Amino acid sequence: MDTDHTPANLTIQVERNPSESRLLELGIKSWPKWGCPPGKFPLKFDAEETCYLLKGKVKAYTKGSSTGQFVEFGAGDLVVIPKGLSCTWDVSVAVDKHYKFDSSN
């Protein structure tokens, strides 16, 4: 049973080192860019976000995780963050990324 899209179990999906053809297919180079310095950033995603990290290293701690669960991603990773997720980004290496919000869902 696929439970990834239920509100109780919003999960961040990480695709490690996607191929150049996949990046071209997504049109990532035309997406806007965003960056942040090292630090802790509480974030809430009101739309699904797909991002590709050019630089950086992040541990994303999901809210309500009593066990301190986190998802780790960094430079070269393609990340999909579901709509409705609240998490804290613990950035250990400054982030530079391309991103796109999916307004259709």
PDB file of N, CA and C in Angstrom:
ATOM      1  N   MET A   1       0.841  -1.193   0.000  1.00  0.00           N
ATOM      2  CA  MET A   1       0.000   0.000   0.000  1.00  0.00           C
ATOM      3  C   MET A   1       0.878   1.246   0.000  1.00  0.00           C
ATOM      4  N   ASP A   2       0.557   2.205  -0.839  1.00  0.00           N
ATOM      5  CA  ASP A   2       1.352   3.428  -0.942  1.00  0.00           C
ATOM      6  C   ASP A   2       0.840   4.453   0.056  1.00  0.00           C
ATOM      7  N   THR A   3       1.629   4.709   1.098  1.00  0.00           N
ATOM      8  CA  THR A   3       1.197   5.663   2.121  1.00  0.00           C
ATOM      9  C   THR A   3       1.977   6.967   2.057  1.00  0.00           C
ATOM     10  N   ASP A   4       2.815   7.124   1.040  1.00  0.00           N
ATOM     11  CA  ASP A   4       3.676   8.309   0.963  1.00  0.00           C
ATOM     12  C   ASP A   4       2.916   9.615   0.864  1.00  0.00           C
ATOM     13  N   HIS A   5       1.670   9.564   0.383  1.00  0.00           N
ATOM     14  CA  HIS A   5       0.971  10.819   0.141  1.00  0.00           C
ATOM     15  C   HIS A   5      -0.118  11.116   1.170  1.00  0.00           C
ATOM     16  N   THR A   6      -0.135  10.383   2.275  1.00  0.00           N
ATOM     17  CA  THR A   6      -1.093  10.683   3.322  1.00  0.00           C
ATOM     18  C   THR A   6      -0.503  11.739   4.245  1.00  0.00           C
ATOM     19  N   PRO A   7      -1.344  12.666   4.736  1.00  0.00           N
ATOM     20  CA  PRO A   7      -0.833  13.759   5.564  1.00  0.00           C
ATOM     21  C   PRO A   7      -0.017  13.299   6.765  1.00  0.00           C
ATOM     22  N   ALA A   8      -0.343  12.143   7.328  1.00  0.00           N
ATOM     23  CA  ALA A   8       0.379  11.661   8.504  1.00  0.00           C
ATOM     24  C   ALA A   8       1.793  11.201   8.161  1.00  0.00           C
ATOM     25  N   ASN A   9       2.052  10.967   6.890  1.00  0.00           N
ATOM     26  CA  ASN A   9       3.352  10.415   6.522  1.00  0.00           C
ATOM     27  C   ASN A   9       3.915  11.130   5.294  1.00  0.00           C
ATOM     28  N   LEU A  10       4.092  12.431   5.413  1.00  0.00           N
ATOM     29  CA  LEU A  10       4.678  13.193   4.305  1.00  0.00           C
ATOM     30  C   LEU A  10       6.168  12.891   4.277  1.00  0.00           C
ATOM     31  N   THR A  11       6.658  12.447   3.144  1.00  0.00           N
ATOM     32  CA  THR A  11       8.069  12.088   3.073  1.00  0.00           C
ATOM     33  C   THR A  11       8.782  12.872   1.979  1.00  0.00           C
ATOM     34  N   ILE A  12      10.030  13.199   2.269  1.00  0.00           N
ATOM     35  CA  ILE A  12      10.891  13.878   1.302  1.00  0.00           C
ATOM     36  C   ILE A  12      11.550  12.791   0.467  1.00  0.00           C
ATOM     37  N   GLN A  13      11.449  12.929  -0.850  1.00  0.00           N
ATOM     38  CA  GLN A  13      12.070  11.946  -1.740  1.00  0.00           C
ATOM     39  C   GLN A  13      13.367  12.524  -2.297  1.00  0.00           C
ATOM     40  N   VAL A  14      14.420  11.726  -2.251  1.00  0.00           N
ATOM     41  CA  VAL A  14      15.735  12.170  -2.729  1.00  0.00           C
ATOM     42  C   VAL A  14      16.203  11.238  -3.835  1.00  0.00           C
ATOM     43  N   GLU A  15      16.521  11.834  -4.976  1.00  0.00           N
ATOM     44  CA  GLU A  15      17.094  11.077  -6.092  1.00  0.00           C
ATOM     45  C   GLU A  15      18.571  11.492  -6.174  1.00  0.00           C
ATOM     46  N   ARG A  16      19.452  10.553  -5.865  1.00  0.00           N
ATOM     47  CA  ARG A  16      20.894  10.865  -5.811  1.00  0.00           C
ATOM     48  C   ARG A  16      21.486  10.918  -7.218  1.00  0.00           C
ATOM     49  N   ASN A  17      22.213  11.987  -7.483  1.00  0.00           N
ATOM     50  CA  ASN A  17      22.953  12.128  -8.749  1.00  0.00           C
ATOM     51  C   ASN A  17      22.148  11.744  -9.995  1.00  0.00           C
ATOM     52  N   PRO A  18      21.049  12.469 -10.261  1.00  0.00           N
ATOM     53  CA  PRO A  18      20.291  12.177 -11.484  1.00  0.00           C
ATOM     54  C   PRO A  18      21.151  12.430 -12.722  1.00  0.00           C
ATOM     55  N   SER A  19      20.824  11.753 -13.815  1.00  0.00           N
ATOM     56  CA  SER A  19      21.613  11.877 -15.041  1.00  0.00           C
ATOM     57  C   SER A  19      21.422  13.256 -15.678  1.00  0.00           C
ATOM     58  N   GLU A  20      22.384  13.645 -16.494  1.00  0.00           N
ATOM     59  CA  GLU A  20      22.316  14.927 -17.204  1.00  0.00           C
ATOM     60  C   GLU A  20      21.062  14.984 -18.075  1.00  0.00           C
ATOM     61  N   SER A  21      20.689  13.852 -18.685  1.00  0.00           N
ATOM     62  CA  SER A  21      19.507  13.835 -19.545  1.00  0.00           C
ATOM     63  C   SER A  21      18.228  14.055 -18.730  1.00  0.00           C
ATOM     64  N   ARG A  22      18.200  13.529 -17.512  1.00  0.00           N
ATOM     65  CA  ARG A  22      17.046  13.750 -16.618  1.00  0.00           C
ATOM     66  C   ARG A  22      16.943  15.231 -16.248  1.00  0.00           C
ATOM     67  N   LEU A  23      18.079  15.846 -15.951  1.00  0.00           N
ATOM     68  CA  LEU A  23      18.093  17.270 -15.589  1.00  0.00           C
ATOM     69  C   LEU A  23      17.629  18.122 -16.775  1.00  0.00           C
ATOM     70  N   LEU A  24      18.073  17.766 -17.972  1.00  0.00           N
ATOM     71  CA  LEU A  24      17.663  18.495 -19.177  1.00  0.00           C
ATOM     72  C   LEU A  24      16.165  18.339 -19.428  1.00  0.00           C
ATOM     73  N   GLU A  25      15.683  17.122 -19.233  1.00  0.00           N
ATOM     74  CA  GLU A  25      14.268  16.820 -19.427  1.00  0.00           C
ATOM     75  C   GLU A  25      13.391  17.665 -18.496  1.00  0.00           C
ATOM     76  N   LEU A  26      13.857  17.867 -17.268  1.00  0.00           N
ATOM     77  CA  LEU A  26      13.119  18.675 -16.288  1.00  0.00           C
ATOM     78  C   LEU A  26      13.277  20.173 -16.543  1.00  0.00           C
ATOM     79  N   GLY A  27      14.307  20.549 -17.310  1.00  0.00           N
ATOM     80  CA  GLY A  27      14.554  21.967 -17.591  1.00  0.00           C
ATOM     81  C   GLY A  27      15.076  22.731 -16.386  1.00  0.00           C
ATOM     82  N   ILE A  28      15.844  22.054 -15.565  1.00  0.00           N
ATOM     83  CA  ILE A  28      16.299  22.609 -14.288  1.00  0.00           C
ATOM     84  C   ILE A  28      17.063  23.931 -14.424  1.00  0.00           C
ATOM     85  N   LYS A  29      17.861  24.056 -15.486  1.00  0.00           N
ATOM     86  CA  LYS A  29      18.679  25.274 -15.613  1.00  0.00           C
ATOM     87  C   LYS A  29      17.842  26.542 -15.803  1.00  0.00           C
ATOM     88  N   SER A  30      16.572  26.370 -16.196  1.00  0.00           N
ATOM     89  CA  SER A  30      15.702  27.537 -16.371  1.00  0.00           C
ATOM     90  C   SER A  30      14.908  27.866 -15.102  1.00  0.00           C
ATOM     91  N   TRP A  31      15.009  27.008 -14.079  1.00  0.00           N
ATOM     92  CA  TRP A  31      14.290  27.250 -12.834  1.00  0.00           C
ATOM     93  C   TRP A  31      14.960  28.378 -12.054  1.00  0.00           C
ATOM     94  N   PRO A  32      14.200  29.079 -11.200  1.00  0.00           N
ATOM     95  CA  PRO A  32      14.824  30.113 -10.351  1.00  0.00           C
ATOM     96  C   PRO A  32      15.829  29.482  -9.382  1.00  0.00           C
ATOM     97  N   LYS A  33      16.711  30.329  -8.846  1.00  0.00           N
ATOM     98  CA  LYS A  33      17.715  29.856  -7.894  1.00  0.00           C
ATOM     99  C   LYS A  33      17.445  30.451  -6.517  1.00  0.00           C
ATOM    100  N   TRP A  34      17.867  29.726  -5.495  1.00  0.00           N
ATOM    101  CA  TRP A  34      17.738  30.175  -4.115  1.00  0.00           C
ATOM    102  C   TRP A  34      18.925  29.643  -3.341  1.00  0.00           C
ATOM    103  N   GLY A  35      19.373  30.403  -2.382  1.00  0.00           N
ATOM    104  CA  GLY A  35      20.483  29.947  -1.558  1.00  0.00           C
ATOM    105  C   GLY A  35      20.308  30.397  -0.120  1.00  0.00           C
ATOM    106  N   CYS A  36      21.039  29.759   0.779  1.00  0.00           N
ATOM    107  CA  CYS A  36      21.033  30.173   2.178  1.00  0.00           C
ATOM    108  C   CYS A  36      22.364  29.787   2.810  1.00  0.00           C
ATOM    109  N   PRO A  37      22.758  30.533   3.850  1.00  0.00           N
ATOM    110  CA  PRO A  37      23.997  30.214   4.567  1.00  0.00           C
ATOM    111  C   PRO A  37      23.749  29.070   5.548  1.00  0.00           C
ATOM    112  N   PRO A  38      24.811  28.540   6.142  1.00  0.00           N
ATOM    113  CA  PRO A  38      24.610  27.525   7.177  1.00  0.00           C
ATOM    114  C   PRO A  38      23.735  28.071   8.307  1.00  0.00           C
ATOM    115  N   GLY A  39      22.953  27.194   8.925  1.00  0.00           N
ATOM    116  CA  GLY A  39      22.067  27.589  10.022  1.00  0.00           C
ATOM    117  C   GLY A  39      20.855  26.687  10.060  1.00  0.00           C
ATOM    118  N   LYS A  40      19.894  27.049  10.931  1.00  0.00           N
ATOM    119  CA  LYS A  40      18.656  26.263  11.050  1.00  0.00           C
ATOM    120  C   LYS A  40      17.497  27.110  10.553  1.00  0.00           C
ATOM    121  N   PHE A  41      16.688  26.537   9.671  1.00  0.00           N
ATOM    122  CA  PHE A  41      15.592  27.267   9.040  1.00  0.00           C
ATOM    123  C   PHE A  41      14.298  26.460   9.117  1.00  0.00           C
ATOM    124  N   PRO A  42      13.308  26.945   9.896  1.00  0.00           N
ATOM    125  CA  PRO A  42      12.017  26.254   9.886  1.00  0.00           C
ATOM    126  C   PRO A  42      11.271  26.605   8.599  1.00  0.00           C
ATOM    127  N   LEU A  43      10.789  25.602   7.893  1.00  0.00           N
ATOM    128  CA  LEU A  43      10.140  25.824   6.598  1.00  0.00           C
ATOM    129  C   LEU A  43       8.805  25.085   6.546  1.00  0.00           C
ATOM    130  N   LYS A  44       7.835  25.713   5.876  1.00  0.00           N
ATOM    131  CA  LYS A  44       6.553  25.046   5.623  1.00  0.00           C
ATOM    132  C   LYS A  44       6.306  25.119   4.126  1.00  0.00           C
ATOM    133  N   PHE A  45       5.955  23.986   3.536  1.00  0.00           N
ATOM    134  CA  PHE A  45       5.771  23.918   2.095  1.00  0.00           C
ATOM    135  C   PHE A  45       4.277  23.908   1.762  1.00  0.00           C
ATOM    136  N   ASP A  46       3.803  25.017   1.187  1.00  0.00           N
ATOM    137  CA  ASP A  46       2.386  25.150   0.827  1.00  0.00           C
ATOM    138  C   ASP A  46       2.107  24.593  -0.566  1.00  0.00           C
ATOM    139  N   ALA A  47       3.165  24.220  -1.268  1.00  0.00           N
ATOM    140  CA  ALA A  47       3.036  23.564  -2.574  1.00  0.00           C
ATOM    141  C   ALA A  47       4.184  22.560  -2.663  1.00  0.00           C
ATOM    142  N   GLU A  48       4.003  21.549  -3.504  1.00  0.00           N
ATOM    143  CA  GLU A  48       5.093  20.588  -3.693  1.00  0.00           C
ATOM    144  C   GLU A  48       6.268  21.307  -4.343  1.00  0.00           C
ATOM    145  N   GLU A  49       7.458  21.086  -3.810  1.00  0.00           N
ATOM    146  CA  GLU A  49       8.655  21.694  -4.390  1.00  0.00           C
ATOM    147  C   GLU A  49       9.603  20.610  -4.873  1.00  0.00           C
ATOM    148  N   THR A  50      10.121  20.805  -6.087  1.00  0.00           N
ATOM    149  CA  THR A  50      11.201  19.971  -6.601  1.00  0.00           C
ATOM    150  C   THR A  50      12.423  20.869  -6.654  1.00  0.00           C
ATOM    151  N   CYS A  51      13.532  20.413  -6.128  1.00  0.00           N
ATOM    152  CA  CYS A  51      14.744  21.240  -6.181  1.00  0.00           C
ATOM    153  C   CYS A  51      15.956  20.374  -6.492  1.00  0.00           C
ATOM    154  N   TYR A  52      16.939  21.025  -7.092  1.00  0.00           N
ATOM    155  CA  TYR A  52      18.202  20.371  -7.441  1.00  0.00           C
ATOM    156  C   TYR A  52      19.315  21.172  -6.787  1.00  0.00           C
ATOM    157  N   LEU A  53      20.068  20.532  -5.903  1.00  0.00           N
ATOM    158  CA  LEU A  53      21.115  21.236  -5.166  1.00  0.00           C
ATOM    159  C   LEU A  53      22.411  21.289  -5.958  1.00  0.00           C
ATOM    160  N   LEU A  54      22.869  22.509  -6.212  1.00  0.00           N
ATOM    161  CA  LEU A  54      24.157  22.725  -6.869  1.00  0.00           C
ATOM    162  C   LEU A  54      25.281  22.638  -5.841  1.00  0.00           C
ATOM    163  N   LYS A  55      24.987  23.156  -4.638  1.00  0.00           N
ATOM    164  CA  LYS A  55      25.948  23.141  -3.537  1.00  0.00           C
ATOM    165  C   LYS A  55      25.173  22.930  -2.254  1.00  0.00           C
ATOM    166  N   GLY A  56      25.878  22.509  -1.230  1.00  0.00           N
ATOM    167  CA  GLY A  56      25.282  22.465   0.088  1.00  0.00           C
ATOM    168  C   GLY A  56      25.111  21.088   0.677  1.00  0.00           C
ATOM    169  N   LYS A  57      24.738  21.095   1.962  1.00  0.00           N
ATOM    170  CA  LYS A  57      24.455  19.865   2.695  1.00  0.00           C
ATOM    171  C   LYS A  57      23.384  20.192   3.730  1.00  0.00           C
ATOM    172  N   VAL A  58      22.311  19.395   3.727  1.00  0.00           N
ATOM    173  CA  VAL A  58      21.140  19.672   4.563  1.00  0.00           C
ATOM    174  C   VAL A  58      20.682  18.405   5.279  1.00  0.00           C
ATOM    175  N   LYS A  59      20.284  18.575   6.540  1.00  0.00           N
ATOM    176  CA  LYS A  59      19.510  17.556   7.247  1.00  0.00           C
ATOM    177  C   LYS A  59      18.146  18.195   7.465  1.00  0.00           C
ATOM    178  N   ALA A  60      17.096  17.588   6.922  1.00  0.00           N
ATOM    179  CA  ALA A  60      15.738  18.116   7.087  1.00  0.00           C
ATOM    180  C   ALA A  60      15.024  17.288   8.146  1.00  0.00           C
ATOM    181  N   TYR A  61      14.758  17.938   9.295  1.00  0.00           N
ATOM    182  CA  TYR A  61      14.050  17.273  10.392  1.00  0.00           C
ATOM    183  C   TYR A  61      12.564  17.571  10.244  1.00  0.00           C
ATOM    184  N   THR A  62      11.754  16.525  10.111  1.00  0.00           N
ATOM    185  CA  THR A  62      10.327  16.744   9.929  1.00  0.00           C
ATOM    186  C   THR A  62       9.658  17.022  11.271  1.00  0.00           C
ATOM    187  N   LYS A  63       8.712  17.956  11.262  1.00  0.00           N
ATOM    188  CA  LYS A  63       7.981  18.332  12.469  1.00  0.00           C
ATOM    189  C   LYS A  63       7.182  17.150  12.988  1.00  0.00           C
ATOM    190  N   GLY A  64       7.089  17.072  14.298  1.00  0.00           N
ATOM    191  CA  GLY A  64       6.301  16.010  14.890  1.00  0.00           C
ATOM    192  C   GLY A  64       7.048  14.689  14.957  1.00  0.00           C
ATOM    193  N   SER A  65       8.299  14.716  14.547  1.00  0.00           N
ATOM    194  CA  SER A  65       9.098  13.495  14.604  1.00  0.00           C
ATOM    195  C   SER A  65       9.725  13.395  15.994  1.00  0.00           C
ATOM    196  N   SER A  66       9.126  12.578  16.833  1.00  0.00           N
ATOM    197  CA  SER A  66       9.608  12.467  18.209  1.00  0.00           C
ATOM    198  C   SER A  66      10.947  11.738  18.270  1.00  0.00           C
ATOM    199  N   THR A  67      11.279  11.007  17.221  1.00  0.00           N
ATOM    200  CA  THR A  67      12.528  10.246  17.226  1.00  0.00           C
ATOM    201  C   THR A  67      13.672  11.018  16.582  1.00  0.00           C
ATOM    202  N   GLY A  68      13.417  12.280  16.222  1.00  0.00           N
ATOM    203  CA  GLY A  68      14.473  13.075  15.613  1.00  0.00           C
ATOM    204  C   GLY A  68      14.849  12.592  14.230  1.00  0.00           C
ATOM    205  N   GLN A  69      13.876  12.037  13.515  1.00  0.00           N
ATOM    206  CA  GLN A  69      14.158  11.535  12.173  1.00  0.00           C
ATOM    207  C   GLN A  69      14.472  12.694  11.233  1.00  0.00           C
ATOM    208  N   PHE A  70      15.382  12.451  10.320  1.00  0.00           N
ATOM    209  CA  PHE A  70      15.713  13.467   9.331  1.00  0.00           C
ATOM    210  C   PHE A  70      16.053  12.799   8.012  1.00  0.00           C
ATOM    211  N   VAL A  71      15.981  13.609   6.970  1.00  0.00           N
ATOM    212  CA  VAL A  71      16.400  13.170   5.638  1.00  0.00           C
ATOM    213  C   VAL A  71      17.599  14.034   5.287  1.00  0.00           C
ATOM    214  N   GLU A  72      18.665  13.404   4.820  1.00  0.00           N
ATOM    215  CA  GLU A  72      19.882  14.145   4.480  1.00  0.00           C
ATOM    216  C   GLU A  72      20.029  14.205   2.969  1.00  0.00           C
ATOM    217  N   PHE A  73      20.374  15.393   2.465  1.00  0.00           N
ATOM    218  CA  PHE A  73      20.634  15.542   1.030  1.00  0.00           C
ATOM    219  C   PHE A  73      21.627  16.667   0.824  1.00  0.00           C
ATOM    220  N   GLY A  74      22.184  16.717  -0.394  1.00  0.00           N
ATOM    221  CA  GLY A  74      23.214  17.718  -0.646  1.00  0.00           C
ATOM    222  C   GLY A  74      23.472  17.899  -2.121  1.00  0.00           C
ATOM    223  N   ALA A  75      24.621  18.491  -2.432  1.00  0.00           N
ATOM    224  CA  ALA A  75      24.983  18.822  -3.806  1.00  0.00           C
ATOM    225  C   ALA A  75      24.817  17.613  -4.716  1.00  0.00           C
ATOM    226  N   GLY A  76      24.160  17.828  -5.862  1.00  0.00           N
ATOM    227  CA  GLY A  76      23.963  16.769  -6.836  1.00  0.00           C
ATOM    228  C   GLY A  76      22.682  15.976  -6.650  1.00  0.00           C
ATOM    229  N   ASP A  77      21.913  16.293  -5.579  1.00  0.00           N
ATOM    230  CA  ASP A  77      20.669  15.554  -5.328  1.00  0.00           C
ATOM    231  C   ASP A  77      19.457  16.300  -5.871  1.00  0.00           C
ATOM    232  N   LEU A  78      18.515  15.527  -6.396  1.00  0.00           N
ATOM    233  CA  LEU A  78      17.219  16.048  -6.840  1.00  0.00           C
ATOM    234  C   LEU A  78      16.230  15.660  -5.747  1.00  0.00           C
ATOM    235  N   VAL A  79      15.559  16.662  -5.181  1.00  0.00           N
ATOM    236  CA  VAL A  79      14.737  16.451  -3.989  1.00  0.00           C
ATOM    237  C   VAL A  79      13.302  16.889  -4.262  1.00  0.00           C
ATOM    238  N   VAL A  80      12.337  16.059  -3.864  1.00  0.00           N
ATOM    239  CA  VAL A  80      10.922  16.420  -3.972  1.00  0.00           C
ATOM    240  C   VAL A  80      10.350  16.504  -2.558  1.00  0.00           C
ATOM    241  N   ILE A  81       9.838  17.693  -2.226  1.00  0.00           N
ATOM    242  CA  ILE A  81       9.280  17.943  -0.893  1.00  0.00           C
ATOM    243  C   ILE A  81       7.769  18.077  -1.044  1.00  0.00           C
ATOM    244  N   PRO A  82       7.001  17.244  -0.339  1.00  0.00           N
ATOM    245  CA  PRO A  82       5.554  17.244  -0.541  1.00  0.00           C
ATOM    246  C   PRO A  82       4.849  18.483   0.005  1.00  0.00           C
ATOM    247  N   LYS A  83       3.728  18.825  -0.621  1.00  0.00           N
ATOM    248  CA  LYS A  83       2.875  19.919  -0.167  1.00  0.00           C
ATOM    249  C   LYS A  83       2.390  19.606   1.242  1.00  0.00           C
ATOM    250  N   GLY A  84       2.420  20.623   2.104  1.00  0.00           N
ATOM    251  CA  GLY A  84       1.904  20.451   3.459  1.00  0.00           C
ATOM    252  C   GLY A  84       2.944  20.051   4.488  1.00  0.00           C
ATOM    253  N   LEU A  85       4.180  19.808   4.049  1.00  0.00           N
ATOM    254  CA  LEU A  85       5.228  19.381   4.981  1.00  0.00           C
ATOM    255  C   LEU A  85       5.817  20.577   5.726  1.00  0.00           C
ATOM    256  N   SER A  86       5.970  20.426   7.030  1.00  0.00           N
ATOM    257  CA  SER A  86       6.725  21.390   7.832  1.00  0.00           C
ATOM    258  C   SER A  86       7.981  20.684   8.300  1.00  0.00           C
ATOM    259  N   CYS A  87       9.112  21.365   8.151  1.00  0.00           N
ATOM    260  CA  CYS A  87      10.358  20.753   8.594  1.00  0.00           C
ATOM    261  C   CYS A  87      11.360  21.845   8.927  1.00  0.00           C
ATOM    262  N   THR A  88      12.434  21.459   9.576  1.00  0.00           N
ATOM    263  CA  THR A  88      13.529  22.384   9.862  1.00  0.00           C
ATOM    264  C   THR A  88      14.741  21.920   9.082  1.00  0.00           C
ATOM    265  N   TRP A  89      15.272  22.832   8.270  1.00  0.00           N
ATOM    266  CA  TRP A  89      16.496  22.536   7.532  1.00  0.00           C
ATOM    267  C   TRP A  89      17.678  22.911   8.409  1.00  0.00           C
ATOM    268  N   ASP A  90      18.509  21.933   8.718  1.00  0.00           N
ATOM    269  CA  ASP A  90      19.765  22.169   9.430  1.00  0.00           C
ATOM    270  C   ASP A  90      20.853  22.140   8.355  1.00  0.00           C
ATOM    271  N   VAL A  91      21.260  23.332   7.947  1.00  0.00           N
ATOM    272  CA  VAL A  91      22.189  23.484   6.825  1.00  0.00           C
ATOM    273  C   VAL A  91      23.620  23.546   7.362  1.00  0.00           C
ATOM    274  N   SER A  92      24.440  22.541   7.018  1.00  0.00           N
ATOM    275  CA  SER A  92      25.827  22.528   7.494  1.00  0.00           C
ATOM    276  C   SER A  92      26.786  23.132   6.469  1.00  0.00           C
ATOM    277  N   VAL A  93      26.403  23.074   5.185  1.00  0.00           N
ATOM    278  CA  VAL A  93      27.189  23.696   4.109  1.00  0.00           C
ATOM    279  C   VAL A  93      26.222  24.562   3.308  1.00  0.00           C
ATOM    280  N   ALA A  94      26.581  25.827   3.072  1.00  0.00           N
ATOM    281  CA  ALA A  94      25.693  26.780   2.393  1.00  0.00           C
ATOM    282  C   ALA A  94      25.064  26.177   1.138  1.00  0.00           C
ATOM    283  N   VAL A  95      23.762  26.445   0.986  1.00  0.00           N
ATOM    284  CA  VAL A  95      22.977  25.855  -0.105  1.00  0.00           C
ATOM    285  C   VAL A  95      22.849  26.818  -1.281  1.00  0.00           C
ATOM    286  N   ASP A  96      22.963  26.263  -2.481  1.00  0.00           N
ATOM    287  CA  ASP A  96      22.647  26.962  -3.728  1.00  0.00           C
ATOM    288  C   ASP A  96      21.847  25.948  -4.540  1.00  0.00           C
ATOM    289  N   LYS A  97      20.617  26.306  -4.901  1.00  0.00           N
ATOM    290  CA  LYS A  97      19.765  25.317  -5.565  1.00  0.00           C
ATOM    291  C   LYS A  97      18.881  25.954  -6.619  1.00  0.00           C
ATOM    292  N   HIS A  98      18.458  25.129  -7.571  1.00  0.00           N
ATOM    293  CA  HIS A  98      17.383  25.471  -8.495  1.00  0.00           C
ATOM    294  C   HIS A  98      16.117  24.875  -7.901  1.00  0.00           C
ATOM    295  N   TYR A  99      14.994  25.569  -8.057  1.00  0.00           N
ATOM    296  CA  TYR A  99      13.763  25.033  -7.480  1.00  0.00           C
ATOM    297  C   TYR A  99      12.556  25.351  -8.354  1.00  0.00           C
ATOM    298  N   LYS A 100      11.498  24.565  -8.140  1.00  0.00           N
ATOM    299  CA  LYS A 100      10.256  24.770  -8.866  1.00  0.00           C
ATOM    300  C   LYS A 100       9.112  24.319  -7.974  1.00  0.00           C
ATOM    301  N   PHE A 101       8.057  25.140  -7.887  1.00  0.00           N
ATOM    302  CA  PHE A 101       6.865  24.745  -7.142  1.00  0.00           C
ATOM    303  C   PHE A 101       5.846  24.182  -8.127  1.00  0.00           C
ATOM    304  N   ASP A 102       5.194  23.112  -7.719  1.00  0.00           N
ATOM    305  CA  ASP A 102       4.128  22.538  -8.527  1.00  0.00           C
ATOM    306  C   ASP A 102       2.811  23.110  -8.028  1.00  0.00           C
ATOM    307  N   SER A 103       2.216  24.000  -8.799  1.00  0.00           N
ATOM    308  CA  SER A 103       0.989  24.677  -8.370  1.00  0.00           C
ATOM    309  C   SER A 103      -0.251  23.878  -8.717  1.00  0.00           C
ATOM    310  N   SER A 104      -0.082  22.724  -9.338  1.00  0.00           N
ATOM    311  CA  SER A 104      -1.251  21.967  -9.810  1.00  0.00           C
ATOM    312  C   SER A 104      -1.895  21.111  -8.714  1.00  0.00           C
ATOM    313  N   ASN A 105      -1.187  20.925  -7.568  1.00  0.00           N
ATOM    314  CA  ASN A 105      -1.816  20.072  -6.557  1.00  0.00           C
ATOM    315  C   ASN A 105      -2.063  20.810  -5.257  1.00  0.00           C
TER     316      ASN A 105
END
